[in-house]
Amino acid sequence: MRKWLGLGEGYMDEEKKRRLRRRVRIALVLFPFVIAIPVLGGLFAGFYLTTLLSESSRILYPLLFSTIGLAISIVIIYFLAKKVSSV
């Protein structure tokens, strides 16, 4: 009976395993930045728009744009994770 090694590692040669581990490490370093940049960009854009329009509700646009930035970053990370996991 075969022991399950996850991600098909039992069927990969050492070079492919090394490449996959390297890709995963790079992804784990980059993913927080991929999340933070659109969220903070949306937050700053919302504050700028609020100041520009002189709105009375100062939290509506920053909250809206940072949420949109979060949704965009989730979509980007989904596609990047698919790309990273394919060997």
PDB file of N, CA and C in Angstrom:
ATOM      1  N   MET A   1       0.835  -1.170   0.000  1.00  0.00           N
ATOM      2  CA  MET A   1       0.000   0.000   0.000  1.00  0.00           C
ATOM      3  C   MET A   1       0.892   1.250   0.000  1.00  0.00           C
ATOM      4  N   ARG A   2       0.562   2.216  -0.860  1.00  0.00           N
ATOM      5  CA  ARG A   2       1.363   3.423  -0.982  1.00  0.00           C
ATOM      6  C   ARG A   2       0.997   4.434   0.089  1.00  0.00           C
ATOM      7  N   LYS A   3       2.002   5.137   0.553  1.00  0.00           N
ATOM      8  CA  LYS A   3       1.775   6.220   1.500  1.00  0.00           C
ATOM      9  C   LYS A   3       1.487   7.491   0.702  1.00  0.00           C
ATOM     10  N   TRP A   4       0.436   8.207   1.098  1.00  0.00           N
ATOM     11  CA  TRP A   4       0.075   9.423   0.388  1.00  0.00           C
ATOM     12  C   TRP A   4       1.022  10.541   0.781  1.00  0.00           C
ATOM     13  N   LEU A   5       1.635  11.192  -0.202  1.00  0.00           N
ATOM     14  CA  LEU A   5       2.629  12.222   0.068  1.00  0.00           C
ATOM     15  C   LEU A   5       2.126  13.629  -0.220  1.00  0.00           C
ATOM     16  N   GLY A   6       0.946  13.764  -0.789  1.00  0.00           N
ATOM     17  CA  GLY A   6       0.403  15.091  -1.065  1.00  0.00           C
ATOM     18  C   GLY A   6       1.003  15.723  -2.299  1.00  0.00           C
ATOM     19  N   LEU A   7       0.178  16.412  -3.049  1.00  0.00           N
ATOM     20  CA  LEU A   7       0.565  17.124  -4.272  1.00  0.00           C
ATOM     21  C   LEU A   7       1.271  16.229  -5.289  1.00  0.00           C
ATOM     22  N   GLY A   8       1.062  14.927  -5.205  1.00  0.00           N
ATOM     23  CA  GLY A   8       1.680  14.020  -6.156  1.00  0.00           C
ATOM     24  C   GLY A   8       3.177  13.936  -6.015  1.00  0.00           C
ATOM     25  N   GLU A   9       3.703  14.252  -4.844  1.00  0.00           N
ATOM     26  CA  GLU A   9       5.155  14.275  -4.657  1.00  0.00           C
ATOM     27  C   GLU A   9       5.787  12.901  -4.803  1.00  0.00           C
ATOM     28  N   GLY A  10       5.013  11.864  -4.583  1.00  0.00           N
ATOM     29  CA  GLY A  10       5.567  10.522  -4.722  1.00  0.00           C
ATOM     30  C   GLY A  10       5.917  10.196  -6.157  1.00  0.00           C
ATOM     31  N   TYR A  11       5.315  10.920  -7.081  1.00  0.00           N
ATOM     32  CA  TYR A  11       5.521  10.653  -8.499  1.00  0.00           C
ATOM     33  C   TYR A  11       6.430  11.673  -9.169  1.00  0.00           C
ATOM     34  N   MET A  12       6.949  12.613  -8.408  1.00  0.00           N
ATOM     35  CA  MET A  12       7.813  13.642  -8.971  1.00  0.00           C
ATOM     36  C   MET A  12       9.280  13.306  -8.722  1.00  0.00           C
ATOM     37  N   ASP A  13      10.111  13.730  -9.655  1.00  0.00           N
ATOM     38  CA  ASP A  13      11.541  13.590  -9.404  1.00  0.00           C
ATOM     39  C   ASP A  13      12.008  14.748  -8.524  1.00  0.00           C
ATOM     40  N   GLU A  14      13.215  14.691  -8.077  1.00  0.00           N
ATOM     41  CA  GLU A  14      13.724  15.668  -7.115  1.00  0.00           C
ATOM     42  C   GLU A  14      13.746  17.090  -7.667  1.00  0.00           C
ATOM     43  N   GLU A  15      14.042  17.237  -8.950  1.00  0.00           N
ATOM     44  CA  GLU A  15      14.093  18.572  -9.546  1.00  0.00           C
ATOM     45  C   GLU A  15      12.714  19.236  -9.527  1.00  0.00           C
ATOM     46  N   LYS A  16      11.677  18.484  -9.849  1.00  0.00           N
ATOM     47  CA  LYS A  16      10.322  19.043  -9.824  1.00  0.00           C
ATOM     48  C   LYS A  16       9.896  19.386  -8.407  1.00  0.00           C
ATOM     49  N   LYS A  17      10.267  18.563  -7.434  1.00  0.00           N
ATOM     50  CA  LYS A  17       9.942  18.855  -6.037  1.00  0.00           C
ATOM     51  C   LYS A  17      10.610  20.142  -5.589  1.00  0.00           C
ATOM     52  N   ARG A  18      11.861  20.300  -5.945  1.00  0.00           N
ATOM     53  CA  ARG A  18      12.618  21.487  -5.573  1.00  0.00           C
ATOM     54  C   ARG A  18      12.003  22.740  -6.213  1.00  0.00           C
ATOM     55  N   ARG A  19      11.630  22.615  -7.488  1.00  0.00           N
ATOM     56  CA  ARG A  19      11.011  23.737  -8.183  1.00  0.00           C
ATOM     57  C   ARG A  19       9.679  24.128  -7.555  1.00  0.00           C
ATOM     58  N   LEU A  20       8.869  23.121  -7.184  1.00  0.00           N
ATOM     59  CA  LEU A  20       7.581  23.388  -6.561  1.00  0.00           C
ATOM     60  C   LEU A  20       7.757  24.050  -5.197  1.00  0.00           C
ATOM     61  N   ARG A  21       8.693  23.559  -4.406  1.00  0.00           N
ATOM     62  CA  ARG A  21       8.942  24.165  -3.096  1.00  0.00           C
ATOM     63  C   ARG A  21       9.404  25.617  -3.235  1.00  0.00           C
ATOM     64  N   ARG A  22      10.256  25.866  -4.226  1.00  0.00           N
ATOM     65  CA  ARG A  22      10.742  27.230  -4.450  1.00  0.00           C
ATOM     66  C   ARG A  22       9.598  28.149  -4.863  1.00  0.00           C
ATOM     67  N   ARG A  23       8.726  27.683  -5.746  1.00  0.00           N
ATOM     68  CA  ARG A  23       7.572  28.475  -6.166  1.00  0.00           C
ATOM     69  C   ARG A  23       6.652  28.789  -4.991  1.00  0.00           C
ATOM     70  N   VAL A  24       6.437  27.784  -4.136  1.00  0.00           N
ATOM     71  CA  VAL A  24       5.553  27.983  -2.990  1.00  0.00           C
ATOM     72  C   VAL A  24       6.162  28.991  -2.020  1.00  0.00           C
ATOM     73  N   ARG A  25       7.453  28.918  -1.780  1.00  0.00           N
ATOM     74  CA  ARG A  25       8.111  29.891  -0.893  1.00  0.00           C
ATOM     75  C   ARG A  25       7.997  31.310  -1.443  1.00  0.00           C
ATOM     76  N   ILE A  26       8.234  31.468  -2.726  1.00  0.00           N
ATOM     77  CA  ILE A  26       8.117  32.791  -3.342  1.00  0.00           C
ATOM     78  C   ILE A  26       6.688  33.295  -3.228  1.00  0.00           C
ATOM     79  N   ALA A  27       5.724  32.403  -3.464  1.00  0.00           N
ATOM     80  CA  ALA A  27       4.318  32.797  -3.376  1.00  0.00           C
ATOM     81  C   ALA A  27       3.955  33.212  -1.955  1.00  0.00           C
ATOM     82  N   LEU A  28       4.455  32.494  -0.962  1.00  0.00           N
ATOM     83  CA  LEU A  28       4.136  32.839   0.418  1.00  0.00           C
ATOM     84  C   LEU A  28       4.734  34.184   0.830  1.00  0.00           C
ATOM     85  N   VAL A  29       5.808  34.578   0.188  1.00  0.00           N
ATOM     86  CA  VAL A  29       6.385  35.895   0.467  1.00  0.00           C
ATOM     87  C   VAL A  29       5.620  36.986  -0.269  1.00  0.00           C
ATOM     88  N   LEU A  30       5.194  36.715  -1.500  1.00  0.00           N
ATOM     89  CA  LEU A  30       4.556  37.747  -2.325  1.00  0.00           C
ATOM     90  C   LEU A  30       3.060  37.934  -2.060  1.00  0.00           C
ATOM     91  N   PHE A  31       2.359  36.892  -1.627  1.00  0.00           N
ATOM     92  CA  PHE A  31       0.904  36.991  -1.469  1.00  0.00           C
ATOM     93  C   PHE A  31       0.459  38.088  -0.498  1.00  0.00           C
ATOM     94  N   PRO A  32       1.130  38.299   0.638  1.00  0.00           N
ATOM     95  CA  PRO A  32       0.690  39.417   1.496  1.00  0.00           C
ATOM     96  C   PRO A  32       0.791  40.782   0.808  1.00  0.00           C
ATOM     97  N   PHE A  33       1.787  40.960  -0.034  1.00  0.00           N
ATOM     98  CA  PHE A  33       1.903  42.220  -0.772  1.00  0.00           C
ATOM     99  C   PHE A  33       0.822  42.340  -1.838  1.00  0.00           C
ATOM    100  N   VAL A  34       0.476  41.214  -2.451  1.00  0.00           N
ATOM    101  CA  VAL A  34      -0.587  41.217  -3.459  1.00  0.00           C
ATOM    102  C   VAL A  34      -1.927  41.571  -2.807  1.00  0.00           C
ATOM    103  N   ILE A  35      -2.093  41.240  -1.551  1.00  0.00           N
ATOM    104  CA  ILE A  35      -3.315  41.606  -0.832  1.00  0.00           C
ATOM    105  C   ILE A  35      -3.244  43.059  -0.364  1.00  0.00           C
ATOM    106  N   ALA A  36      -2.128  43.439   0.211  1.00  0.00           N
ATOM    107  CA  ALA A  36      -2.020  44.759   0.849  1.00  0.00           C
ATOM    108  C   ALA A  36      -2.067  45.910  -0.151  1.00  0.00           C
ATOM    109  N   ILE A  37      -1.447  45.749  -1.297  1.00  0.00           N
ATOM    110  CA  ILE A  37      -1.367  46.870  -2.243  1.00  0.00           C
ATOM    111  C   ILE A  37      -2.740  47.305  -2.758  1.00  0.00           C
ATOM    112  N   PRO A  38      -3.607  46.394  -3.252  1.00  0.00           N
ATOM    113  CA  PRO A  38      -4.929  46.859  -3.694  1.00  0.00           C
ATOM    114  C   PRO A  38      -5.814  47.368  -2.547  1.00  0.00           C
ATOM    115  N   VAL A  39      -5.712  46.737  -1.371  1.00  0.00           N
ATOM    116  CA  VAL A  39      -6.547  47.180  -0.247  1.00  0.00           C
ATOM    117  C   VAL A  39      -6.128  48.580   0.205  1.00  0.00           C
ATOM    118  N   LEU A  40      -4.837  48.787   0.406  1.00  0.00           N
ATOM    119  CA  LEU A  40      -4.378  50.111   0.829  1.00  0.00           C
ATOM    120  C   LEU A  40      -4.559  51.158  -0.273  1.00  0.00           C
ATOM    121  N   GLY A  41      -4.381  50.733  -1.518  1.00  0.00           N
ATOM    122  CA  GLY A  41      -4.632  51.652  -2.631  1.00  0.00           C
ATOM    123  C   GLY A  41      -6.088  52.086  -2.673  1.00  0.00           C
ATOM    124  N   GLY A  42      -6.994  51.144  -2.455  1.00  0.00           N
ATOM    125  CA  GLY A  42      -8.415  51.492  -2.398  1.00  0.00           C
ATOM    126  C   GLY A  42      -8.738  52.387  -1.221  1.00  0.00           C
ATOM    127  N   LEU A  43      -8.088  52.133  -0.101  1.00  0.00           N
ATOM    128  CA  LEU A  43      -8.303  52.961   1.087  1.00  0.00           C
ATOM    129  C   LEU A  43      -7.859  54.398   0.835  1.00  0.00           C
ATOM    130  N   PHE A  44      -6.655  54.567   0.291  1.00  0.00           N
ATOM    131  CA  PHE A  44      -6.165  55.920   0.009  1.00  0.00           C
ATOM    132  C   PHE A  44      -6.997  56.602  -1.081  1.00  0.00           C
ATOM    133  N   ALA A  45      -7.416  55.850  -2.091  1.00  0.00           N
ATOM    134  CA  ALA A  45      -8.263  56.433  -3.137  1.00  0.00           C
ATOM    135  C   ALA A  45      -9.601  56.875  -2.555  1.00  0.00           C
ATOM    136  N   GLY A  46     -10.137  56.093  -1.634  1.00  0.00           N
ATOM    137  CA  GLY A  46     -11.392  56.466  -0.994  1.00  0.00           C
ATOM    138  C   GLY A  46     -11.259  57.721  -0.154  1.00  0.00           C
ATOM    139  N   PHE A  47     -10.171  57.827   0.613  1.00  0.00           N
ATOM    140  CA  PHE A  47      -9.954  59.041   1.399  1.00  0.00           C
ATOM    141  C   PHE A  47      -9.740  60.258   0.490  1.00  0.00           C
ATOM    142  N   TYR A  48      -9.034  60.049  -0.602  1.00  0.00           N
ATOM    143  CA  TYR A  48      -8.812  61.151  -1.541  1.00  0.00           C
ATOM    144  C   TYR A  48     -10.131  61.607  -2.159  1.00  0.00           C
ATOM    145  N   LEU A  49     -10.968  60.655  -2.567  1.00  0.00           N
ATOM    146  CA  LEU A  49     -12.258  60.996  -3.166  1.00  0.00           C
ATOM    147  C   LEU A  49     -13.165  61.680  -2.147  1.00  0.00           C
ATOM    148  N   THR A  50     -13.119  61.227  -0.908  1.00  0.00           N
ATOM    149  CA  THR A  50     -13.910  61.858   0.144  1.00  0.00           C
ATOM    150  C   THR A  50     -13.481  63.309   0.356  1.00  0.00           C
ATOM    151  N   THR A  51     -12.182  63.539   0.364  1.00  0.00           N
ATOM    152  CA  THR A  51     -11.670  64.903   0.524  1.00  0.00           C
ATOM    153  C   THR A  51     -12.011  65.759  -0.691  1.00  0.00           C
ATOM    154  N   LEU A  52     -11.908  65.161  -1.859  1.00  0.00           N
ATOM    155  CA  LEU A  52     -12.172  65.890  -3.098  1.00  0.00           C
ATOM    156  C   LEU A  52     -13.632  66.311  -3.203  1.00  0.00           C
ATOM    157  N   LEU A  53     -14.540  65.430  -2.798  1.00  0.00           N
ATOM    158  CA  LEU A  53     -15.978  65.710  -2.903  1.00  0.00           C
ATOM    159  C   LEU A  53     -16.545  66.390  -1.661  1.00  0.00           C
ATOM    160  N   SER A  54     -15.751  66.550  -0.616  1.00  0.00           N
ATOM    161  CA  SER A  54     -16.184  67.148   0.652  1.00  0.00           C
ATOM    162  C   SER A  54     -17.428  66.459   1.196  1.00  0.00           C
ATOM    163  N   GLU A  55     -17.375  65.143   1.251  1.00  0.00           N
ATOM    164  CA  GLU A  55     -18.506  64.355   1.747  1.00  0.00           C
ATOM    165  C   GLU A  55     -18.597  64.460   3.257  1.00  0.00           C
ATOM    166  N   SER A  56     -19.814  64.363   3.782  1.00  0.00           N
ATOM    167  CA  SER A  56     -19.998  64.396   5.235  1.00  0.00           C
ATOM    168  C   SER A  56     -19.654  63.045   5.859  1.00  0.00           C
ATOM    169  N   SER A  57     -19.933  61.961   5.153  1.00  0.00           N
ATOM    170  CA  SER A  57     -19.579  60.628   5.634  1.00  0.00           C
ATOM    171  C   SER A  57     -18.177  60.307   5.145  1.00  0.00           C
ATOM    172  N   ARG A  58     -17.204  60.392   6.049  1.00  0.00           N
ATOM    173  CA  ARG A  58     -15.809  60.247   5.648  1.00  0.00           C
ATOM    174  C   ARG A  58     -15.348  58.795   5.570  1.00  0.00           C
ATOM    175  N   ILE A  59     -16.183  57.826   5.927  1.00  0.00           N
ATOM    176  CA  ILE A  59     -15.745  56.435   5.949  1.00  0.00           C
ATOM    177  C   ILE A  59     -16.347  55.611   4.805  1.00  0.00           C
ATOM    178  N   LEU A  60     -17.376  56.120   4.148  1.00  0.00           N
ATOM    179  CA  LEU A  60     -18.083  55.341   3.133  1.00  0.00           C
ATOM    180  C   LEU A  60     -17.192  54.970   1.947  1.00  0.00           C
ATOM    181  N   TYR A  61     -16.567  55.936   1.310  1.00  0.00           N
ATOM    182  CA  TYR A  61     -15.739  55.658   0.135  1.00  0.00           C
ATOM    183  C   TYR A  61     -14.473  54.852   0.457  1.00  0.00           C
ATOM    184  N   PRO A  62     -13.759  55.163   1.534  1.00  0.00           N
ATOM    185  CA  PRO A  62     -12.602  54.311   1.852  1.00  0.00           C
ATOM    186  C   PRO A  62     -12.985  52.855   2.116  1.00  0.00           C
ATOM    187  N   LEU A  63     -14.087  52.641   2.803  1.00  0.00           N
ATOM    188  CA  LEU A  63     -14.541  51.281   3.071  1.00  0.00           C
ATOM    189  C   LEU A  63     -14.948  50.579   1.777  1.00  0.00           C
ATOM    190  N   LEU A  64     -15.650  51.279   0.919  1.00  0.00           N
ATOM    191  CA  LEU A  64     -16.087  50.707  -0.353  1.00  0.00           C
ATOM    192  C   LEU A  64     -14.902  50.351  -1.249  1.00  0.00           C
ATOM    193  N   PHE A  65     -13.973  51.289  -1.400  1.00  0.00           N
ATOM    194  CA  PHE A  65     -12.844  51.043  -2.302  1.00  0.00           C
ATOM    195  C   PHE A  65     -11.857  50.013  -1.749  1.00  0.00           C
ATOM    196  N   SER A  66     -11.684  49.978  -0.436  1.00  0.00           N
ATOM    197  CA  SER A  66     -10.797  48.953   0.118  1.00  0.00           C
ATOM    198  C   SER A  66     -11.429  47.566  -0.003  1.00  0.00           C
ATOM    199  N   THR A  67     -12.749  47.476   0.084  1.00  0.00           N
ATOM    200  CA  THR A  67     -13.432  46.199  -0.128  1.00  0.00           C
ATOM    201  C   THR A  67     -13.301  45.746  -1.581  1.00  0.00           C
ATOM    202  N   ILE A  68     -13.423  46.671  -2.498  1.00  0.00           N
ATOM    203  CA  ILE A  68     -13.222  46.342  -3.913  1.00  0.00           C
ATOM    204  C   ILE A  68     -11.778  45.902  -4.149  1.00  0.00           C
ATOM    205  N   GLY A  69     -10.828  46.574  -3.504  1.00  0.00           N
ATOM    206  CA  GLY A  69      -9.422  46.175  -3.606  1.00  0.00           C
ATOM    207  C   GLY A  69      -9.184  44.784  -3.057  1.00  0.00           C
ATOM    208  N   LEU A  70      -9.857  44.441  -1.960  1.00  0.00           N
ATOM    209  CA  LEU A  70      -9.735  43.102  -1.392  1.00  0.00           C
ATOM    210  C   LEU A  70     -10.296  42.050  -2.347  1.00  0.00           C
ATOM    211  N   ALA A  71     -11.428  42.341  -2.957  1.00  0.00           N
ATOM    212  CA  ALA A  71     -12.007  41.395  -3.917  1.00  0.00           C
ATOM    213  C   ALA A  71     -11.084  41.191  -5.115  1.00  0.00           C
ATOM    214  N   ILE A  72     -10.497  42.259  -5.599  1.00  0.00           N
ATOM    215  CA  ILE A  72      -9.561  42.159  -6.723  1.00  0.00           C
ATOM    216  C   ILE A  72      -8.339  41.338  -6.329  1.00  0.00           C
ATOM    217  N   SER A  73      -7.824  41.561  -5.118  1.00  0.00           N
ATOM    218  CA  SER A  73      -6.638  40.811  -4.688  1.00  0.00           C
ATOM    219  C   SER A  73      -6.946  39.333  -4.493  1.00  0.00           C
ATOM    220  N   ILE A  74      -8.157  38.999  -4.060  1.00  0.00           N
ATOM    221  CA  ILE A  74      -8.536  37.591  -3.925  1.00  0.00           C
ATOM    222  C   ILE A  74      -8.560  36.915  -5.285  1.00  0.00           C
ATOM    223  N   VAL A  75      -9.088  37.594  -6.286  1.00  0.00           N
ATOM    224  CA  VAL A  75      -9.110  37.028  -7.649  1.00  0.00           C
ATOM    225  C   VAL A  75      -7.688  36.847  -8.167  1.00  0.00           C
ATOM    226  N   ILE A  76      -6.828  37.834  -7.949  1.00  0.00           N
ATOM    227  CA  ILE A  76      -5.437  37.744  -8.405  1.00  0.00           C
ATOM    228  C   ILE A  76      -4.724  36.587  -7.718  1.00  0.00           C
ATOM    229  N   ILE A  77      -4.919  36.439  -6.412  1.00  0.00           N
ATOM    230  CA  ILE A  77      -4.256  35.362  -5.680  1.00  0.00           C
ATOM    231  C   ILE A  77      -4.776  34.001  -6.121  1.00  0.00           C
ATOM    232  N   TYR A  78      -6.053  33.914  -6.445  1.00  0.00           N
ATOM    233  CA  TYR A  78      -6.601  32.648  -6.933  1.00  0.00           C
ATOM    234  C   TYR A  78      -5.869  32.200  -8.199  1.00  0.00           C
ATOM    235  N   PHE A  79      -5.723  33.113  -9.150  1.00  0.00           N
ATOM    236  CA  PHE A  79      -5.058  32.744 -10.393  1.00  0.00           C
ATOM    237  C   PHE A  79      -3.559  32.496 -10.195  1.00  0.00           C
ATOM    238  N   LEU A  80      -2.926  33.277  -9.326  1.00  0.00           N
ATOM    239  CA  LEU A  80      -1.505  33.034  -9.043  1.00  0.00           C
ATOM    240  C   LEU A  80      -1.293  31.697  -8.348  1.00  0.00           C
ATOM    241  N   ALA A  81      -2.197  31.327  -7.444  1.00  0.00           N
ATOM    242  CA  ALA A  81      -2.062  30.043  -6.756  1.00  0.00           C
ATOM    243  C   ALA A  81      -2.236  28.882  -7.721  1.00  0.00           C
ATOM    244  N   LYS A  82      -3.152  29.028  -8.678  1.00  0.00           N
ATOM    245  CA  LYS A  82      -3.297  27.981  -9.699  1.00  0.00           C
ATOM    246  C   LYS A  82      -2.029  27.863 -10.520  1.00  0.00           C
ATOM    247  N   LYS A  83      -1.430  28.999 -10.843  1.00  0.00           N
ATOM    248  CA  LYS A  83      -0.198  29.002 -11.634  1.00  0.00           C
ATOM    249  C   LYS A  83       0.969  28.390 -10.846  1.00  0.00           C
ATOM    250  N   VAL A  84       1.053  28.709  -9.567  1.00  0.00           N
ATOM    251  CA  VAL A  84       2.149  28.194  -8.729  1.00  0.00           C
ATOM    252  C   VAL A  84       2.016  26.703  -8.532  1.00  0.00           C
ATOM    253  N   SER A  85       0.807  26.210  -8.344  1.00  0.00           N
ATOM    254  CA  SER A  85       0.640  24.788  -8.012  1.00  0.00           C
ATOM    255  C   SER A  85       0.779  23.866  -9.223  1.00  0.00           C
ATOM    256  N   SER A  86       0.684  24.421 -10.418  1.00  0.00           N
ATOM    257  CA  SER A  86       0.871  23.558 -11.599  1.00  0.00           C
ATOM    258  C   SER A  86       2.359  23.333 -11.834  1.00  0.00           C
ATOM    259  N   VAL A  87       2.732  22.093 -11.973  1.00  0.00           N
ATOM    260  CA  VAL A  87       4.154  21.745 -12.108  1.00  0.00           C
ATOM    261  C   VAL A  87       4.510  21.512 -13.546  1.00  0.00           C
TER     262      VAL A  87
END
